[in-house]
PDB file of all heavy atoms in Angstrom:
ATOM      1  N   GLY A   1     -40.728  12.535  16.903  1.00  0.00           N
ATOM      2  CA  GLY A   1     -41.418  11.952  15.764  1.00  0.00           C
ATOM      3  C   GLY A   1     -42.917  12.161  15.779  1.00  0.00           C
ATOM      4  O   GLY A   1     -43.485  12.721  16.727  1.00  0.00           O
ATOM      5  N   PRO A   2     -43.588  11.687  14.743  1.00  0.00           N
ATOM      6  CA  PRO A   2     -45.038  11.835  14.610  1.00  0.00           C
ATOM      7  C   PRO A   2     -45.784  10.732  15.348  1.00  0.00           C
ATOM      8  O   PRO A   2     -45.161   9.842  15.950  1.00  0.00           O
ATOM      9  CB  PRO A   2     -45.248  11.710  13.105  1.00  0.00           C
ATOM     10  CG  PRO A   2     -44.205  10.698  12.707  1.00  0.00           C
ATOM     11  CD  PRO A   2     -43.001  10.987  13.586  1.00  0.00           C
ATOM     12  N   GLU A   3     -47.108  10.784  15.297  1.00  0.00           N
ATOM     13  CA  GLU A   3     -47.896   9.672  15.807  1.00  0.00           C
ATOM     14  C   GLU A   3     -47.557   8.447  14.969  1.00  0.00           C
ATOM     15  O   GLU A   3     -47.516   8.503  13.751  1.00  0.00           O
ATOM     16  CB  GLU A   3     -49.387  10.004  15.699  1.00  0.00           C
ATOM     17  CG  GLU A   3     -49.804  11.189  16.551  1.00  0.00           C
ATOM     18  CD  GLU A   3     -51.227  11.625  16.285  1.00  0.00           C
ATOM     19  OE1 GLU A   3     -51.855  11.063  15.370  1.00  0.00           O
ATOM     20  OE2 GLU A   3     -51.699  12.540  16.977  1.00  0.00           O
ATOM     21  N   GLY A   4     -47.252   7.339  15.618  1.00  0.00           N
ATOM     22  CA  GLY A   4     -46.780   6.162  14.897  1.00  0.00           C
ATOM     23  C   GLY A   4     -45.277   6.023  14.947  1.00  0.00           C
ATOM     24  O   GLY A   4     -44.728   4.963  14.632  1.00  0.00           O
ATOM     25  N   GLY A   5     -44.587   7.095  15.360  1.00  0.00           N
ATOM     26  CA  GLY A   5     -43.149   7.023  15.566  1.00  0.00           C
ATOM     27  C   GLY A   5     -42.329   7.174  14.299  1.00  0.00           C
ATOM     28  O   GLY A   5     -42.828   7.295  13.194  1.00  0.00           O
ATOM     29  N   TRP A   6     -41.010   7.164  14.500  1.00  0.00           N
ATOM     30  CA  TRP A   6     -40.063   7.238  13.391  1.00  0.00           C
ATOM     31  C   TRP A   6     -40.017   5.915  12.643  1.00  0.00           C
ATOM     32  O   TRP A   6     -40.235   4.855  13.228  1.00  0.00           O
ATOM     33  CB  TRP A   6     -38.654   7.539  13.901  1.00  0.00           C
ATOM     34  CG  TRP A   6     -38.468   8.779  14.693  1.00  0.00           C
ATOM     35  CD1 TRP A   6     -38.298   8.875  16.046  1.00  0.00           C
ATOM     36  CD2 TRP A   6     -38.401  10.115  14.196  1.00  0.00           C
ATOM     37  NE1 TRP A   6     -38.137  10.174  16.408  1.00  0.00           N
ATOM     38  CE2 TRP A   6     -38.186  10.970  15.297  1.00  0.00           C
ATOM     39  CE3 TRP A   6     -38.492  10.678  12.920  1.00  0.00           C
ATOM     40  CZ2 TRP A   6     -38.066  12.348  15.178  1.00  0.00           C
ATOM     41  CZ3 TRP A   6     -38.372  12.056  12.792  1.00  0.00           C
ATOM     42  CH2 TRP A   6     -38.160  12.879  13.893  1.00  0.00           C
ATOM     43  N   THR A   7     -39.677   5.965  11.386  1.00  0.00           N
ATOM     44  CA  THR A   7     -39.357   4.727  10.671  1.00  0.00           C
ATOM     45  C   THR A   7     -37.933   4.321  11.022  1.00  0.00           C
ATOM     46  O   THR A   7     -37.141   5.137  11.511  1.00  0.00           O
ATOM     47  CB  THR A   7     -39.464   4.930   9.150  1.00  0.00           C
ATOM     48  OG1 THR A   7     -38.467   5.881   8.732  1.00  0.00           O
ATOM     49  CG2 THR A   7     -40.851   5.418   8.761  1.00  0.00           C
ATOM     50  N   GLY A   8     -37.596   3.041  10.757  1.00  0.00           N
ATOM     51  CA  GLY A   8     -36.231   2.593  11.012  1.00  0.00           C
ATOM     52  C   GLY A   8     -35.219   3.389  10.218  1.00  0.00           C
ATOM     53  O   GLY A   8     -34.120   3.705  10.712  1.00  0.00           O
ATOM     54  N   GLU A   9     -35.563   3.750   8.991  1.00  0.00           N
ATOM     55  CA  GLU A   9     -34.651   4.525   8.144  1.00  0.00           C
ATOM     56  C   GLU A   9     -34.389   5.908   8.737  1.00  0.00           C
ATOM     57  O   GLU A   9     -33.245   6.397   8.714  1.00  0.00           O
ATOM     58  CB  GLU A   9     -35.238   4.664   6.742  1.00  0.00           C
ATOM     59  CG  GLU A   9     -34.331   5.433   5.777  1.00  0.00           C
ATOM     60  CD  GLU A   9     -34.945   5.585   4.396  1.00  0.00           C
ATOM     61  OE1 GLU A   9     -36.091   5.126   4.186  1.00  0.00           O
ATOM     62  OE2 GLU A   9     -34.288   6.171   3.523  1.00  0.00           O
ATOM     63  N   GLU A  10     -35.428   6.539   9.286  1.00  0.00           N
ATOM     64  CA  GLU A  10     -35.248   7.865   9.884  1.00  0.00           C
ATOM     65  C   GLU A  10     -34.339   7.793  11.111  1.00  0.00           C
ATOM     66  O   GLU A  10     -33.489   8.674  11.317  1.00  0.00           O
ATOM     67  CB  GLU A  10     -36.609   8.464  10.251  1.00  0.00           C
ATOM     68  CG  GLU A  10     -37.414   8.914   9.034  1.00  0.00           C
ATOM     69  CD  GLU A  10     -38.847   9.290   9.367  1.00  0.00           C
ATOM     70  OE1 GLU A  10     -39.403   8.731  10.352  1.00  0.00           O
ATOM     71  OE2 GLU A  10     -39.419  10.115   8.643  1.00  0.00           O
ATOM     72  N   VAL A  11     -34.501   6.748  11.928  1.00  0.00           N
ATOM     73  CA  VAL A  11     -33.629   6.594  13.087  1.00  0.00           C
ATOM     74  C   VAL A  11     -32.186   6.401  12.645  1.00  0.00           C
ATOM     75  O   VAL A  11     -31.254   7.005  13.197  1.00  0.00           O
ATOM     76  CB  VAL A  11     -34.090   5.414  13.963  1.00  0.00           C
ATOM     77  CG1 VAL A  11     -33.088   5.170  15.095  1.00  0.00           C
ATOM     78  CG2 VAL A  11     -35.481   5.677  14.539  1.00  0.00           C
ATOM     79  N   GLU A  12     -31.976   5.583  11.638  1.00  0.00           N
ATOM     80  CA  GLU A  12     -30.621   5.351  11.128  1.00  0.00           C
ATOM     81  C   GLU A  12     -29.993   6.631  10.598  1.00  0.00           C
ATOM     82  O   GLU A  12     -28.800   6.889  10.806  1.00  0.00           O
ATOM     83  CB  GLU A  12     -30.656   4.286  10.035  1.00  0.00           C
ATOM     84  CG  GLU A  12     -30.983   2.885  10.557  1.00  0.00           C
ATOM     85  CD  GLU A  12     -31.175   1.882   9.437  1.00  0.00           C
ATOM     86  OE1 GLU A  12     -30.932   2.248   8.264  1.00  0.00           O
ATOM     87  OE2 GLU A  12     -31.555   0.731   9.721  1.00  0.00           O
ATOM     88  N   LEU A  13     -30.781   7.455   9.910  1.00  0.00           N
ATOM     89  CA  LEU A  13     -30.268   8.732   9.404  1.00  0.00           C
ATOM     90  C   LEU A  13     -29.865   9.653  10.551  1.00  0.00           C
ATOM     91  O   LEU A  13     -28.812  10.299  10.500  1.00  0.00           O
ATOM     92  CB  LEU A  13     -31.329   9.419   8.546  1.00  0.00           C
ATOM     93  CG  LEU A  13     -31.520   8.892   7.129  1.00  0.00           C
ATOM     94  CD1 LEU A  13     -32.768   9.503   6.501  1.00  0.00           C
ATOM     95  CD2 LEU A  13     -30.283   9.206   6.274  1.00  0.00           C
ATOM     96  N   ALA A  14     -30.706   9.706  11.581  1.00  0.00           N
ATOM     97  CA  ALA A  14     -30.392  10.557  12.725  1.00  0.00           C
ATOM     98  C   ALA A  14     -29.095  10.120  13.392  1.00  0.00           C
ATOM     99  O   ALA A  14     -28.222  10.948  13.696  1.00  0.00           O
ATOM    100  CB  ALA A  14     -31.548  10.529  13.729  1.00  0.00           C
ATOM    101  N   VAL A  15     -28.962   8.822  13.616  1.00  0.00           N
ATOM    102  CA  VAL A  15     -27.748   8.295  14.242  1.00  0.00           C
ATOM    103  C   VAL A  15     -26.535   8.560  13.352  1.00  0.00           C
ATOM    104  O   VAL A  15     -25.444   8.911  13.838  1.00  0.00           O
ATOM    105  CB  VAL A  15     -27.908   6.791  14.539  1.00  0.00           C
ATOM    106  CG1 VAL A  15     -26.586   6.190  15.015  1.00  0.00           C
ATOM    107  CG2 VAL A  15     -29.011   6.576  15.581  1.00  0.00           C
ATOM    108  N   LYS A  16     -26.706   8.419  12.054  1.00  0.00           N
ATOM    109  CA  LYS A  16     -25.628   8.700  11.102  1.00  0.00           C
ATOM    110  C   LYS A  16     -25.101  10.122  11.261  1.00  0.00           C
ATOM    111  O   LYS A  16     -23.889  10.371  11.143  1.00  0.00           O
ATOM    112  CB  LYS A  16     -26.138   8.489   9.676  1.00  0.00           C
ATOM    113  CG  LYS A  16     -25.165   8.913   8.587  1.00  0.00           C
ATOM    114  CD  LYS A  16     -25.797   8.773   7.211  1.00  0.00           C
ATOM    115  CE  LYS A  16     -24.892   9.319   6.114  1.00  0.00           C
ATOM    116  NZ  LYS A  16     -25.539   9.226   4.777  1.00  0.00           N
ATOM    117  N   PHE A  17     -25.996  11.059  11.556  1.00  0.00           N
ATOM    118  CA  PHE A  17     -25.592  12.458  11.698  1.00  0.00           C
ATOM    119  C   PHE A  17     -25.336  12.845  13.150  1.00  0.00           C
ATOM    120  O   PHE A  17     -25.324  14.025  13.494  1.00  0.00           O
ATOM    121  CB  PHE A  17     -26.653  13.378  11.080  1.00  0.00           C
ATOM    122  CG  PHE A  17     -26.735  13.264   9.583  1.00  0.00           C
ATOM    123  CD1 PHE A  17     -27.916  12.872   8.967  1.00  0.00           C
ATOM    124  CD2 PHE A  17     -25.632  13.529   8.786  1.00  0.00           C
ATOM    125  CE1 PHE A  17     -27.998  12.763   7.588  1.00  0.00           C
ATOM    126  CE2 PHE A  17     -25.708  13.420   7.401  1.00  0.00           C
ATOM    127  CZ  PHE A  17     -26.883  13.036   6.799  1.00  0.00           C
ATOM    128  N   GLY A  18     -25.115  11.850  14.003  1.00  0.00           N
ATOM    129  CA  GLY A  18     -24.650  12.117  15.355  1.00  0.00           C
ATOM    130  C   GLY A  18     -25.720  12.256  16.422  1.00  0.00           C
ATOM    131  O   GLY A  18     -25.398  12.551  17.577  1.00  0.00           O
ATOM    132  N   PHE A  19     -26.979  12.051  16.090  1.00  0.00           N
ATOM    133  CA  PHE A  19     -28.030  12.147  17.102  1.00  0.00           C
ATOM    134  C   PHE A  19     -27.996  10.922  18.016  1.00  0.00           C
ATOM    135  O   PHE A  19     -27.672   9.813  17.576  1.00  0.00           O
ATOM    136  CB  PHE A  19     -29.404  12.261  16.439  1.00  0.00           C
ATOM    137  CG  PHE A  19     -29.750  13.645  15.977  1.00  0.00           C
ATOM    138  CD1 PHE A  19     -29.078  14.220  14.906  1.00  0.00           C
ATOM    139  CD2 PHE A  19     -30.738  14.378  16.614  1.00  0.00           C
ATOM    140  CE1 PHE A  19     -29.389  15.507  14.472  1.00  0.00           C
ATOM    141  CE2 PHE A  19     -31.052  15.661  16.189  1.00  0.00           C
ATOM    142  CZ  PHE A  19     -30.377  16.234  15.117  1.00  0.00           C
ATOM    143  N   ARG A  20     -28.337  11.130  19.274  1.00  0.00           N
ATOM    144  CA  ARG A  20     -28.383  10.054  20.251  1.00  0.00           C
ATOM    145  C   ARG A  20     -29.836   9.621  20.443  1.00  0.00           C
ATOM    146  O   ARG A  20     -30.689  10.447  20.794  1.00  0.00           O
ATOM    147  CB  ARG A  20     -27.791  10.525  21.583  1.00  0.00           C
ATOM    148  CG  ARG A  20     -26.393  11.114  21.444  1.00  0.00           C
ATOM    149  CD  ARG A  20     -25.906  11.680  22.747  1.00  0.00           C
ATOM    150  NE  ARG A  20     -24.624  12.361  22.570  1.00  0.00           N
ATOM    151  CZ  ARG A  20     -23.693  12.482  23.522  1.00  0.00           C
ATOM    152  NH1 ARG A  20     -23.913  11.965  24.718  1.00  0.00           N
ATOM    153  NH2 ARG A  20     -22.574  13.113  23.283  1.00  0.00           N
ATOM    154  N   GLU A  21     -30.100   8.365  20.218  1.00  0.00           N
ATOM    155  CA  GLU A  21     -31.451   7.836  20.374  1.00  0.00           C
ATOM    156  C   GLU A  21     -31.766   7.701  21.859  1.00  0.00           C
ATOM    157  O   GLU A  21     -30.975   7.143  22.629  1.00  0.00           O
ATOM    158  CB  GLU A  21     -31.562   6.486  19.678  1.00  0.00           C
ATOM    159  CG  GLU A  21     -32.959   5.934  19.607  1.00  0.00           C
ATOM    160  CD  GLU A  21     -33.016   4.588  18.891  1.00  0.00           C
ATOM    161  OE1 GLU A  21     -31.951   4.095  18.446  1.00  0.00           O
ATOM    162  OE2 GLU A  21     -34.125   4.026  18.795  1.00  0.00           O
ATOM    163  N   ALA A  22     -32.920   8.222  22.274  1.00  0.00           N
ATOM    164  CA  ALA A  22     -33.250   8.231  23.699  1.00  0.00           C
ATOM    165  C   ALA A  22     -34.734   7.970  23.910  1.00  0.00           C
ATOM    166  O   ALA A  22     -35.565   8.252  23.051  1.00  0.00           O
ATOM    167  CB  ALA A  22     -32.870   9.571  24.321  1.00  0.00           C
ATOM    168  N   SER A  23     -35.043   7.431  25.092  1.00  0.00           N
ATOM    169  CA  SER A  23     -36.418   7.092  25.447  1.00  0.00           C
ATOM    170  C   SER A  23     -36.847   7.868  26.689  1.00  0.00           C
ATOM    171  O   SER A  23     -36.030   8.121  27.584  1.00  0.00           O
ATOM    172  CB  SER A  23     -36.527   5.591  25.728  1.00  0.00           C
ATOM    173  OG  SER A  23     -37.757   5.280  26.339  1.00  0.00           O
ATOM    174  N   LEU A  24     -38.129   8.211  26.761  1.00  0.00           N
ATOM    175  CA  LEU A  24     -38.686   8.844  27.948  1.00  0.00           C
ATOM    176  C   LEU A  24     -39.354   7.825  28.872  1.00  0.00           C
ATOM    177  O   LEU A  24     -40.028   8.202  29.829  1.00  0.00           O
ATOM    178  CB  LEU A  24     -39.702   9.920  27.545  1.00  0.00           C
ATOM    179  CG  LEU A  24     -39.131  11.220  26.998  1.00  0.00           C
ATOM    180  CD1 LEU A  24     -40.256  12.133  26.523  1.00  0.00           C
ATOM    181  CD2 LEU A  24     -38.286  11.938  28.037  1.00  0.00           C
ATOM    182  N   GLY A  25     -39.173   6.551  28.581  1.00  0.00           N
ATOM    183  CA  GLY A  25     -39.761   5.516  29.419  1.00  0.00           C
ATOM    184  C   GLY A  25     -40.688   4.605  28.632  1.00  0.00           C
ATOM    185  O   GLY A  25     -40.860   4.754  27.427  1.00  0.00           O
ATOM    186  N   ARG A  26     -41.298   3.676  29.312  1.00  0.00           N
ATOM    187  CA  ARG A  26     -42.121   2.666  28.647  1.00  0.00           C
ATOM    188  C   ARG A  26     -43.530   3.143  28.322  1.00  0.00           C
ATOM    189  O   ARG A  26     -44.224   2.531  27.514  1.00  0.00           O
ATOM    190  CB  ARG A  26     -42.180   1.402  29.517  1.00  0.00           C
ATOM    191  CG  ARG A  26     -40.813   0.734  29.686  1.00  0.00           C
ATOM    192  CD  ARG A  26     -40.927  -0.553  30.473  1.00  0.00           C
ATOM    193  NE  ARG A  26     -39.620  -1.196  30.638  1.00  0.00           N
ATOM    194  CZ  ARG A  26     -39.426  -2.342  31.263  1.00  0.00           C
ATOM    195  NH1 ARG A  26     -40.465  -2.983  31.813  1.00  0.00           N
ATOM    196  NH2 ARG A  26     -38.218  -2.863  31.370  1.00  0.00           N
ATOM    197  N   LEU A  27     -43.974   4.207  28.958  1.00  0.00           N
ATOM    198  CA  LEU A  27     -45.299   4.734  28.652  1.00  0.00           C
ATOM    199  C   LEU A  27     -45.266   5.434  27.294  1.00  0.00           C
ATOM    200  O   LEU A  27     -44.289   6.086  26.941  1.00  0.00           O
ATOM    201  CB  LEU A  27     -45.745   5.718  29.730  1.00  0.00           C
ATOM    202  CG  LEU A  27     -45.937   5.137  31.143  1.00  0.00           C
ATOM    203  CD1 LEU A  27     -46.302   6.245  32.120  1.00  0.00           C
ATOM    204  CD2 LEU A  27     -47.010   4.057  31.148  1.00  0.00           C
ATOM    205  N   ILE A  28     -46.331   5.309  26.545  1.00  0.00           N
ATOM    206  CA  ILE A  28     -46.433   5.977  25.247  1.00  0.00           C
ATOM    207  C   ILE A  28     -47.055   7.347  25.469  1.00  0.00           C
ATOM    208  O   ILE A  28     -48.220   7.461  25.882  1.00  0.00           O
ATOM    209  CB  ILE A  28     -47.291   5.160  24.256  1.00  0.00           C
ATOM    210  CG1 ILE A  28     -46.705   3.750  24.102  1.00  0.00           C
ATOM    211  CG2 ILE A  28     -47.355   5.857  22.912  1.00  0.00           C
ATOM    212  CD1 ILE A  28     -45.288   3.715  23.583  1.00  0.00           C
ATOM    213  N   LEU A  29     -46.287   8.388  25.205  1.00  0.00           N
ATOM    214  CA  LEU A  29     -46.727   9.755  25.443  1.00  0.00           C
ATOM    215  C   LEU A  29     -47.253  10.390  24.166  1.00  0.00           C
ATOM    216  O   LEU A  29     -46.780  10.100  23.066  1.00  0.00           O
ATOM    217  CB  LEU A  29     -45.573  10.597  25.981  1.00  0.00           C
ATOM    218  CG  LEU A  29     -44.867  10.087  27.242  1.00  0.00           C
ATOM    219  CD1 LEU A  29     -43.737  11.033  27.615  1.00  0.00           C
ATOM    220  CD2 LEU A  29     -45.851   9.936  28.392  1.00  0.00           C
ATOM    221  N   ARG A  30     -48.200  11.296  24.327  1.00  0.00           N
ATOM    222  CA  ARG A  30     -48.609  12.122  23.204  1.00  0.00           C
ATOM    223  C   ARG A  30     -47.442  13.033  22.812  1.00  0.00           C
ATOM    224  O   ARG A  30     -46.574  13.340  23.638  1.00  0.00           O
ATOM    225  CB  ARG A  30     -49.827  12.978  23.579  1.00  0.00           C
ATOM    226  CG  ARG A  30     -51.108  12.188  23.794  1.00  0.00           C
ATOM    227  CD  ARG A  30     -52.248  13.134  24.127  1.00  0.00           C
ATOM    228  NE  ARG A  30     -53.501  12.421  24.371  1.00  0.00           N
ATOM    229  CZ  ARG A  30     -54.346  12.081  23.424  1.00  0.00           C
ATOM    230  NH1 ARG A  30     -54.092  12.382  22.161  1.00  0.00           N
ATOM    231  NH2 ARG A  30     -55.465  11.435  23.716  1.00  0.00           N
ATOM    232  N   THR A  31     -47.444  13.467  21.572  1.00  0.00           N
ATOM    233  CA  THR A  31     -46.344  14.292  21.081  1.00  0.00           C
ATOM    234  C   THR A  31     -46.139  15.522  21.954  1.00  0.00           C
ATOM    235  O   THR A  31     -45.005  15.840  22.346  1.00  0.00           O
ATOM    236  CB  THR A  31     -46.610  14.731  19.629  1.00  0.00           C
ATOM    237  OG1 THR A  31     -46.716  13.575  18.806  1.00  0.00           O
ATOM    238  CG2 THR A  31     -45.492  15.619  19.111  1.00  0.00           C
ATOM    239  N   GLU A  32     -47.208  16.232  22.267  1.00  0.00           N
ATOM    240  CA  GLU A  32     -47.072  17.468  23.030  1.00  0.00           C
ATOM    241  C   GLU A  32     -46.554  17.206  24.447  1.00  0.00           C
ATOM    242  O   GLU A  32     -45.813  18.018  25.014  1.00  0.00           O
ATOM    243  CB  GLU A  32     -48.391  18.241  23.064  1.00  0.00           C
ATOM    244  CG  GLU A  32     -49.566  17.547  23.739  1.00  0.00           C
ATOM    245  CD  GLU A  32     -50.399  16.692  22.803  1.00  0.00           C
ATOM    246  OE1 GLU A  32     -49.834  16.124  21.836  1.00  0.00           O
ATOM    247  OE2 GLU A  32     -51.616  16.578  23.039  1.00  0.00           O
ATOM    248  N   THR A  33     -46.926  16.063  25.030  1.00  0.00           N
ATOM    249  CA  THR A  33     -46.405  15.704  26.356  1.00  0.00           C
ATOM    250  C   THR A  33     -44.917  15.413  26.282  1.00  0.00           C
ATOM    251  O   THR A  33     -44.139  15.835  27.152  1.00  0.00           O
ATOM    252  CB  THR A  33     -47.150  14.474  26.908  1.00  0.00           C
ATOM    253  OG1 THR A  33     -48.548  14.705  26.866  1.00  0.00           O
ATOM    254  CG2 THR A  33     -46.725  14.181  28.331  1.00  0.00           C
ATOM    255  N   ALA A  34     -44.510  14.700  25.237  1.00  0.00           N
ATOM    256  CA  ALA A  34     -43.091  14.385  25.053  1.00  0.00           C
ATOM    257  C   ALA A  34     -42.256  15.646  24.869  1.00  0.00           C
ATOM    258  O   ALA A  34     -41.121  15.735  25.364  1.00  0.00           O
ATOM    259  CB  ALA A  34     -42.922  13.462  23.848  1.00  0.00           C
ATOM    260  N   VAL A  35     -42.798  16.621  24.155  1.00  0.00           N
ATOM    261  CA  VAL A  35     -42.077  17.886  23.949  1.00  0.00           C
ATOM    262  C   VAL A  35     -41.756  18.545  25.288  1.00  0.00           C
ATOM    263  O   VAL A  35     -40.611  18.936  25.556  1.00  0.00           O
ATOM    264  CB  VAL A  35     -42.905  18.845  23.060  1.00  0.00           C
ATOM    265  CG1 VAL A  35     -42.322  20.253  23.106  1.00  0.00           C
ATOM    266  CG2 VAL A  35     -42.929  18.343  21.628  1.00  0.00           C
ATOM    267  N   VAL A  36     -42.758  18.673  26.137  1.00  0.00           N
ATOM    268  CA  VAL A  36     -42.566  19.339  27.425  1.00  0.00           C
ATOM    269  C   VAL A  36     -41.603  18.556  28.310  1.00  0.00           C
ATOM    270  O   VAL A  36     -40.669  19.117  28.900  1.00  0.00           O
ATOM    271  CB  VAL A  36     -43.919  19.542  28.132  1.00  0.00           C
ATOM    272  CG1 VAL A  36     -43.713  20.055  29.555  1.00  0.00           C
ATOM    273  CG2 VAL A  36     -44.789  20.515  27.345  1.00  0.00           C
ATOM    274  N   ALA A  37     -41.801  17.240  28.403  1.00  0.00           N
ATOM    275  CA  ALA A  37     -40.956  16.420  29.271  1.00  0.00           C
ATOM    276  C   ALA A  37     -39.499  16.438  28.806  1.00  0.00           C
ATOM    277  O   ALA A  37     -38.577  16.586  29.629  1.00  0.00           O
ATOM    278  CB  ALA A  37     -41.480  14.982  29.293  1.00  0.00           C
ATOM    279  N   ALA A  38     -39.279  16.303  27.510  1.00  0.00           N
ATOM    280  CA  ALA A  38     -37.914  16.240  26.995  1.00  0.00           C
ATOM    281  C   ALA A  38     -37.208  17.590  27.092  1.00  0.00           C
ATOM    282  O   ALA A  38     -36.031  17.664  27.459  1.00  0.00           O
ATOM    283  CB  ALA A  38     -37.922  15.751  25.550  1.00  0.00           C
ATOM    284  N   LEU A  39     -37.905  18.665  26.767  1.00  0.00           N
ATOM    285  CA  LEU A  39     -37.277  19.987  26.851  1.00  0.00           C
ATOM    286  C   LEU A  39     -36.943  20.352  28.295  1.00  0.00           C
ATOM    287  O   LEU A  39     -35.904  20.953  28.566  1.00  0.00           O
ATOM    288  CB  LEU A  39     -38.184  21.050  26.234  1.00  0.00           C
ATOM    289  CG  LEU A  39     -38.231  21.084  24.709  1.00  0.00           C
ATOM    290  CD1 LEU A  39     -39.270  22.100  24.231  1.00  0.00           C
ATOM    291  CD2 LEU A  39     -36.861  21.427  24.115  1.00  0.00           C
ATOM    292  N   ALA A  40     -37.817  19.992  29.218  1.00  0.00           N
ATOM    293  CA  ALA A  40     -37.528  20.254  30.625  1.00  0.00           C
ATOM    294  C   ALA A  40     -36.291  19.469  31.076  1.00  0.00           C
ATOM    295  O   ALA A  40     -35.445  19.989  31.807  1.00  0.00           O
ATOM    296  CB  ALA A  40     -38.733  19.892  31.483  1.00  0.00           C
ATOM    297  N   SER A  41     -36.165  18.231  30.610  1.00  0.00           N
ATOM    298  CA  SER A  41     -35.000  17.412  30.959  1.00  0.00           C
ATOM    299  C   SER A  41     -33.723  17.990  30.369  1.00  0.00           C
ATOM    300  O   SER A  41     -32.679  18.060  31.040  1.00  0.00           O
ATOM    301  CB  SER A  41     -35.200  15.982  30.456  1.00  0.00           C
ATOM    302  OG  SER A  41     -36.317  15.380  31.072  1.00  0.00           O
ATOM    303  N   LEU A  42     -33.790  18.421  29.109  1.00  0.00           N
ATOM    304  CA  LEU A  42     -32.622  19.029  28.466  1.00  0.00           C
ATOM    305  C   LEU A  42     -32.213  20.312  29.180  1.00  0.00           C
ATOM    306  O   LEU A  42     -31.026  20.564  29.400  1.00  0.00           O
ATOM    307  CB  LEU A  42     -32.917  19.312  27.002  1.00  0.00           C
ATOM    308  CG  LEU A  42     -32.820  18.160  26.026  1.00  0.00           C
ATOM    309  CD1 LEU A  42     -33.280  18.592  24.636  1.00  0.00           C
ATOM    310  CD2 LEU A  42     -31.401  17.615  25.950  1.00  0.00           C
ATOM    311  N   SER A  43     -33.198  21.117  29.524  1.00  0.00           N
ATOM    312  CA  SER A  43     -32.893  22.374  30.206  1.00  0.00           C
ATOM    313  C   SER A  43     -32.215  22.113  31.544  1.00  0.00           C
ATOM    314  O   SER A  43     -31.235  22.787  31.908  1.00  0.00           O
ATOM    315  CB  SER A  43     -34.180  23.169  30.410  1.00  0.00           C
ATOM    316  OG  SER A  43     -33.915  24.378  31.091  1.00  0.00           O
TER     317      SER A  43
END
């Protein structure tokens, strides 16, 4: 998501289409940091 995060409606739409909601932890990461951390985890 963007700075400020997803709206509740966007999360509901994602879940509706089968996406799994996931967190990288309690720290608030910049978007670019989240991209690297999440892609490395997926890989």
